[in-house]
N, C-alpha and C. Protein backbone atom coordinates (compact mmCIF):
# COMPACT_ATOMS: atom_id res chain seq x y z
N MET A 1 63.75 -60.08 85.52
CA MET A 1 64.77 -60.56 84.94
C MET A 1 65.65 -61.15 84.78
N LEU A 2 65.48 -62.23 85.47
CA LEU A 2 66.50 -63.71 85.98
C LEU A 2 65.16 -64.65 84.60
N LYS A 3 64.34 -64.31 84.77
CA LYS A 3 63.37 -65.81 83.74
C LYS A 3 62.83 -64.92 82.52
N ALA A 4 63.86 -63.43 82.05
CA ALA A 4 63.84 -63.31 80.28
C ALA A 4 65.64 -63.20 80.11
N GLY A 5 66.11 -63.95 80.63
CA GLY A 5 67.71 -63.46 80.32
C GLY A 5 68.67 -63.13 81.19
N GLY A 6 68.26 -61.99 81.68
CA GLY A 6 69.62 -61.39 82.59
C GLY A 6 68.64 -60.09 81.91
N PHE A 7 70.24 -59.09 81.67
CA PHE A 7 70.42 -57.88 81.57
C PHE A 7 70.57 -57.72 79.64
N THR A 8 70.08 -57.67 78.91
CA THR A 8 70.62 -57.51 77.11
C THR A 8 70.03 -56.16 76.00
N THR A 9 69.87 -54.67 76.91
CA THR A 9 69.65 -54.45 76.92
C THR A 9 70.27 -52.77 77.38
N GLY A 10 71.19 -53.00 78.44
CA GLY A 10 71.29 -52.35 80.04
C GLY A 10 71.77 -52.87 80.48
N GLY A 11 71.93 -52.05 82.39
CA GLY A 11 72.22 -53.03 83.71
C GLY A 11 71.68 -51.95 84.70
N THR A 12 72.48 -51.75 84.93
CA THR A 12 72.47 -51.47 86.60
C THR A 12 72.37 -49.86 86.45
N ASN A 13 71.99 -48.47 86.74
CA ASN A 13 72.64 -47.58 87.23
C ASN A 13 72.54 -46.75 88.51
N PHE A 14 73.29 -46.84 88.70
CA PHE A 14 74.16 -46.10 89.59
C PHE A 14 74.89 -44.03 89.24
N ASP A 15 73.73 -43.76 90.03
CA ASP A 15 74.39 -42.26 90.70
C ASP A 15 75.70 -42.22 90.81
N ALA A 16 76.13 -40.30 91.15
CA ALA A 16 77.43 -40.34 92.24
C ALA A 16 77.11 -39.21 92.55
N LYS A 17 75.99 -39.22 92.53
CA LYS A 17 75.75 -37.49 93.65
C LYS A 17 76.09 -37.63 95.44
N LEU A 18 76.97 -36.47 95.54
CA LEU A 18 77.36 -36.37 96.78
C LEU A 18 76.30 -36.05 97.94
N ARG A 19 75.87 -36.68 99.03
CA ARG A 19 74.62 -36.08 99.90
C ARG A 19 74.98 -36.58 101.17
N ARG A 20 74.63 -35.90 101.47
CA ARG A 20 74.80 -35.86 103.29
C ARG A 20 75.81 -35.35 103.61
N GLN A 21 77.12 -36.11 104.57
CA GLN A 21 78.28 -35.06 104.82
C GLN A 21 79.23 -36.05 104.04
N SER A 22 78.71 -37.13 103.47
CA SER A 22 79.87 -37.92 102.54
C SER A 22 80.69 -36.48 101.10
N LEU A 23 81.38 -36.69 101.52
CA LEU A 23 82.20 -36.08 100.83
C LEU A 23 82.88 -36.42 99.30
N ASP A 24 83.89 -37.27 100.80
CA ASP A 24 84.41 -38.46 100.17
C ASP A 24 85.10 -39.32 98.63
N ALA A 25 85.73 -38.91 97.67
CA ALA A 25 85.86 -40.04 96.47
C ALA A 25 85.83 -41.19 97.54
N GLN A 26 86.01 -41.57 98.09
CA GLN A 26 86.24 -42.67 99.23
C GLN A 26 84.55 -43.27 99.03
N ASP A 27 83.71 -42.72 100.23
CA ASP A 27 82.27 -42.34 100.54
C ASP A 27 81.96 -43.28 99.20
N LEU A 28 82.21 -41.95 97.64
CA LEU A 28 81.36 -42.73 96.72
C LEU A 28 81.63 -43.93 96.50
N ILE A 29 83.11 -44.15 96.56
CA ILE A 29 83.51 -45.03 96.16
C ILE A 29 82.83 -46.72 96.31
N LEU A 30 82.37 -46.30 98.32
CA LEU A 30 82.15 -47.35 98.85
C LEU A 30 81.39 -47.30 98.88
N ALA A 31 79.71 -46.34 98.50
CA ALA A 31 78.39 -46.08 98.46
C ALA A 31 78.38 -47.19 97.34
N HIS A 32 79.14 -46.71 95.83
CA HIS A 32 79.15 -47.75 94.28
C HIS A 32 79.07 -48.85 94.71
N VAL A 33 80.44 -49.85 95.64
CA VAL A 33 80.50 -50.75 95.46
C VAL A 33 78.99 -51.28 96.74
N GLY A 34 78.59 -50.84 98.12
CA GLY A 34 77.98 -50.78 98.87
C GLY A 34 76.46 -51.38 97.49
N ALA A 35 76.33 -50.79 96.92
CA ALA A 35 74.98 -50.40 95.89
C ALA A 35 75.32 -51.98 94.99
N MET A 36 76.10 -52.28 94.24
CA MET A 36 76.61 -53.32 93.72
C MET A 36 76.44 -54.69 94.78
N ASP A 37 76.81 -54.17 96.12
CA ASP A 37 76.68 -55.72 96.24
C ASP A 37 75.23 -56.13 97.23
N VAL A 38 74.51 -55.37 97.37
CA VAL A 38 73.19 -55.37 97.77
C VAL A 38 71.92 -55.63 95.82
N CYS A 39 72.47 -55.14 95.02
CA CYS A 39 72.04 -56.01 93.65
C CYS A 39 72.37 -56.90 93.60
N ALA A 40 73.61 -57.56 93.85
CA ALA A 40 74.24 -59.05 93.58
C ALA A 40 73.88 -60.52 94.97
N ARG A 41 73.93 -59.85 96.00
CA ARG A 41 72.81 -60.77 96.97
C ARG A 41 71.28 -60.36 96.45
N GLY A 42 70.47 -59.55 95.85
CA GLY A 42 68.81 -59.47 95.34
C GLY A 42 69.34 -60.55 93.81
N LEU A 43 70.05 -60.71 93.33
CA LEU A 43 69.91 -61.30 92.56
C LEU A 43 70.50 -62.38 92.67
N LYS A 44 71.13 -62.76 93.78
CA LYS A 44 71.12 -64.86 94.44
C LYS A 44 69.84 -64.75 94.69
N ALA A 45 69.03 -64.35 95.57
CA ALA A 45 67.77 -64.17 96.29
C ALA A 45 67.31 -64.68 95.26
N ALA A 46 66.78 -64.16 94.38
CA ALA A 46 65.90 -64.14 93.04
C ALA A 46 66.31 -65.25 92.56
N ALA A 47 67.52 -65.93 92.01
CA ALA A 47 67.48 -67.21 91.59
C ALA A 47 67.19 -68.40 92.54
N LYS A 48 67.90 -68.15 93.56
CA LYS A 48 66.90 -69.20 94.78
C LYS A 48 64.83 -69.90 94.98
N MET A 49 64.99 -68.04 94.94
CA MET A 49 63.17 -67.79 94.90
C MET A 49 62.74 -68.91 93.47
N LEU A 50 63.77 -69.16 92.31
CA LEU A 50 63.41 -69.62 90.89
C LEU A 50 63.77 -71.02 91.19
N GLU A 51 64.62 -71.07 91.59
CA GLU A 51 65.25 -72.35 91.33
C GLU A 51 63.99 -73.45 92.39
N ASP A 52 63.92 -73.03 93.62
CA ASP A 52 62.84 -72.93 94.59
C ASP A 52 61.97 -73.65 94.10
N GLY A 53 60.84 -72.94 93.24
CA GLY A 53 59.47 -72.51 93.09
C GLY A 53 58.46 -72.63 93.49
N LYS A 54 58.84 -72.90 95.10
CA LYS A 54 57.62 -72.41 95.95
C LYS A 54 56.80 -70.89 95.66
N LEU A 55 57.00 -69.40 95.45
CA LEU A 55 56.57 -68.96 94.87
C LEU A 55 55.36 -68.66 93.58
N GLU A 56 56.31 -68.81 92.05
CA GLU A 56 55.91 -69.37 91.44
C GLU A 56 54.76 -70.36 91.45
N ALA A 57 54.71 -71.34 91.99
CA ALA A 57 54.00 -71.84 92.08
C ALA A 57 52.36 -71.49 92.91
N ALA A 58 52.86 -70.34 93.63
CA ALA A 58 51.40 -69.77 94.84
C ALA A 58 51.07 -68.95 93.25
N ARG A 59 51.64 -67.92 92.62
CA ARG A 59 51.33 -67.70 91.33
C ARG A 59 50.75 -68.32 90.37
N GLU A 60 50.93 -68.74 89.89
CA GLU A 60 50.32 -69.85 88.94
C GLU A 60 48.84 -70.12 90.05
N ALA A 61 48.87 -70.17 90.87
CA ALA A 61 47.51 -70.96 91.78
C ALA A 61 46.40 -69.81 91.98
N ARG A 62 46.83 -68.64 92.54
CA ARG A 62 46.13 -67.73 92.50
C ARG A 62 45.73 -67.36 91.51
N TYR A 63 46.05 -67.12 90.12
CA TYR A 63 45.62 -66.14 89.02
C TYR A 63 45.29 -67.82 87.56
N ALA A 64 45.39 -69.29 88.50
CA ALA A 64 44.80 -70.30 87.77
C ALA A 64 43.41 -70.09 86.51
N GLY A 65 42.34 -69.48 87.50
CA GLY A 65 41.70 -69.39 86.72
C GLY A 65 40.86 -68.18 85.99
N TRP A 66 42.36 -67.79 85.78
CA TRP A 66 42.19 -66.42 84.27
C TRP A 66 43.07 -67.33 83.54
N GLY A 67 42.82 -68.15 82.94
CA GLY A 67 43.53 -69.69 81.69
C GLY A 67 42.05 -70.23 81.21
N SER A 68 41.20 -70.41 82.17
CA SER A 68 40.29 -70.53 82.31
C SER A 68 39.36 -70.25 81.21
N ALA A 69 38.08 -70.96 80.82
CA ALA A 69 37.32 -70.99 79.05
C ALA A 69 37.22 -68.92 79.99
N ARG A 70 35.69 -69.67 80.86
CA ARG A 70 35.31 -68.23 81.65
C ARG A 70 36.37 -66.51 81.79
N GLY A 71 37.64 -67.45 82.11
CA GLY A 71 38.64 -66.69 82.49
C GLY A 71 39.55 -65.71 81.17
N GLN A 72 39.60 -66.03 80.65
CA GLN A 72 40.20 -65.75 78.96
C GLN A 72 38.94 -65.41 78.45
N GLY A 73 37.52 -65.82 78.08
CA GLY A 73 36.42 -64.72 78.00
C GLY A 73 36.32 -63.42 78.67
N LEU A 74 36.55 -63.07 80.02
CA LEU A 74 36.47 -62.15 81.46
C LEU A 74 37.51 -60.90 80.36
N MET A 75 38.87 -61.75 80.11
CA MET A 75 40.36 -61.25 79.25
C MET A 75 39.86 -60.26 78.31
N GLN A 76 39.05 -61.13 77.56
CA GLN A 76 38.86 -60.36 75.98
C GLN A 76 37.28 -59.09 76.13
N SER A 77 36.18 -59.33 77.69
CA SER A 77 35.17 -58.70 77.22
C SER A 77 35.56 -57.25 77.93
N ASP A 78 34.66 -56.61 78.01
CA ASP A 78 34.70 -55.01 78.77
C ASP A 78 33.69 -54.98 79.28
N LEU A 79 33.65 -54.43 80.48
CA LEU A 79 32.75 -53.43 82.14
C LEU A 79 31.08 -53.87 81.43
N GLU A 80 30.94 -53.38 80.71
CA GLU A 80 29.84 -53.75 80.47
C GLU A 80 28.97 -54.61 79.96
N ALA A 81 30.25 -55.81 79.26
CA ALA A 81 29.77 -57.36 78.66
C ALA A 81 29.65 -58.31 80.26
N ILE A 82 30.61 -57.74 81.22
CA ILE A 82 31.03 -58.01 82.43
C ILE A 82 29.30 -58.37 82.56
N ASN A 83 28.89 -56.43 83.23
CA ASN A 83 28.06 -56.58 84.38
C ASN A 83 26.97 -56.94 84.34
N ALA A 84 26.76 -56.75 81.96
CA ALA A 84 25.61 -57.79 81.94
C ALA A 84 25.51 -59.66 82.65
N GLN A 85 26.56 -59.53 82.02
CA GLN A 85 26.77 -61.41 82.30
C GLN A 85 26.20 -61.80 84.18
N VAL A 86 26.90 -60.03 84.67
CA VAL A 86 26.51 -60.56 86.03
C VAL A 86 25.23 -60.41 86.39
N ARG A 87 24.74 -59.95 86.41
CA ARG A 87 23.40 -58.88 86.45
C ARG A 87 22.56 -60.18 85.64
N ALA A 88 22.27 -60.88 84.81
CA ALA A 88 21.63 -62.70 84.51
C ALA A 88 22.25 -63.12 85.04
N ASP A 89 22.96 -63.59 85.45
CA ASP A 89 23.41 -64.61 86.59
C ASP A 89 22.88 -64.94 87.84
N ASP A 90 22.70 -63.40 88.17
CA ASP A 90 22.44 -63.21 89.35
C ASP A 90 23.71 -64.00 90.40
N LEU A 91 25.16 -63.77 89.85
CA LEU A 91 26.71 -63.78 90.54
C LEU A 91 26.14 -62.89 91.46
N ASN A 92 27.53 -63.59 92.74
CA ASN A 92 27.64 -63.03 93.92
C ASN A 92 28.52 -63.05 94.21
N PRO A 93 29.40 -62.64 93.89
CA PRO A 93 31.33 -63.33 94.29
C PRO A 93 31.88 -63.00 95.12
N GLN A 94 33.08 -63.83 95.53
CA GLN A 94 33.06 -63.63 97.43
C GLN A 94 34.81 -63.49 97.12
N PRO A 95 34.64 -62.73 97.96
CA PRO A 95 35.87 -62.17 97.44
C PRO A 95 36.82 -63.19 98.19
N ALA A 96 38.74 -63.24 98.05
CA ALA A 96 39.03 -64.43 98.44
C ALA A 96 40.59 -64.05 99.21
N SER A 97 41.49 -64.53 99.60
CA SER A 97 42.37 -63.95 100.36
C SER A 97 43.44 -64.51 98.99
N GLY A 98 43.83 -63.14 98.92
CA GLY A 98 45.44 -62.55 98.38
C GLY A 98 47.11 -63.51 98.96
N ARG A 99 46.88 -63.64 100.64
CA ARG A 99 47.65 -65.05 100.85
C ARG A 99 48.77 -63.64 100.81
N GLN A 100 48.39 -62.35 100.95
CA GLN A 100 49.45 -61.41 100.95
C GLN A 100 50.45 -61.26 101.49
N GLU A 101 50.21 -62.16 103.15
CA GLU A 101 51.27 -61.87 104.22
C GLU A 101 52.30 -63.26 104.43
N ALA A 102 51.16 -64.34 103.87
CA ALA A 102 52.28 -66.01 103.49
C ALA A 102 53.35 -66.04 102.36
N LEU A 103 52.84 -64.98 101.52
CA LEU A 103 53.83 -64.41 100.49
C LEU A 103 54.83 -63.53 100.82
N GLU A 104 54.19 -63.06 102.11
CA GLU A 104 55.75 -62.01 101.92
C GLU A 104 56.73 -62.63 102.84
N ASN A 105 56.04 -63.21 103.70
CA ASN A 105 56.79 -63.89 104.32
C ASN A 105 57.40 -64.87 103.84
N LEU A 106 57.25 -65.62 102.52
CA LEU A 106 58.20 -66.29 101.44
C LEU A 106 59.42 -65.98 100.99
N VAL A 107 58.73 -64.82 100.84
CA VAL A 107 59.44 -64.14 100.22
C VAL A 107 61.21 -63.28 101.17
N ASN A 108 60.95 -63.08 102.35
CA ASN A 108 61.62 -62.42 103.22
C ASN A 108 62.46 -63.66 103.54
N ARG A 109 62.47 -64.91 103.67
CA ARG A 109 62.98 -65.95 103.80
C ARG A 109 63.69 -66.05 103.12
N TYR A 110 64.76 -65.51 102.14
CA TYR A 110 65.51 -66.15 100.91
C TYR A 110 65.96 -64.73 101.14
N LEU A 111 65.91 -62.94 102.06
CA LEU A 111 66.55 -62.77 102.19
C LEU A 111 67.94 -62.64 103.26
């Protein structure tokens, strides 16, 4: 949302349903205030992540190959053509770590 310039056609949606034993109007107000605080905190964390650039750099590195001629060819192809190319070139791609835990730890540092 921040990279797209913010809210352009709406915003957040908070309902006002009574739940559990929170029956008072004050409970509803506190629930909404708390939810807005969480949204604000999340937006501040997201802004820090964008300013820092570490998460974006990791994303760019992870998907860098898709910008190459071969990557673009795969994106414009279908599975049958890809399968034929793999068999013709006797390719045996090996899995690479997505570094999920490292990325989750990086995100958690902003929270």
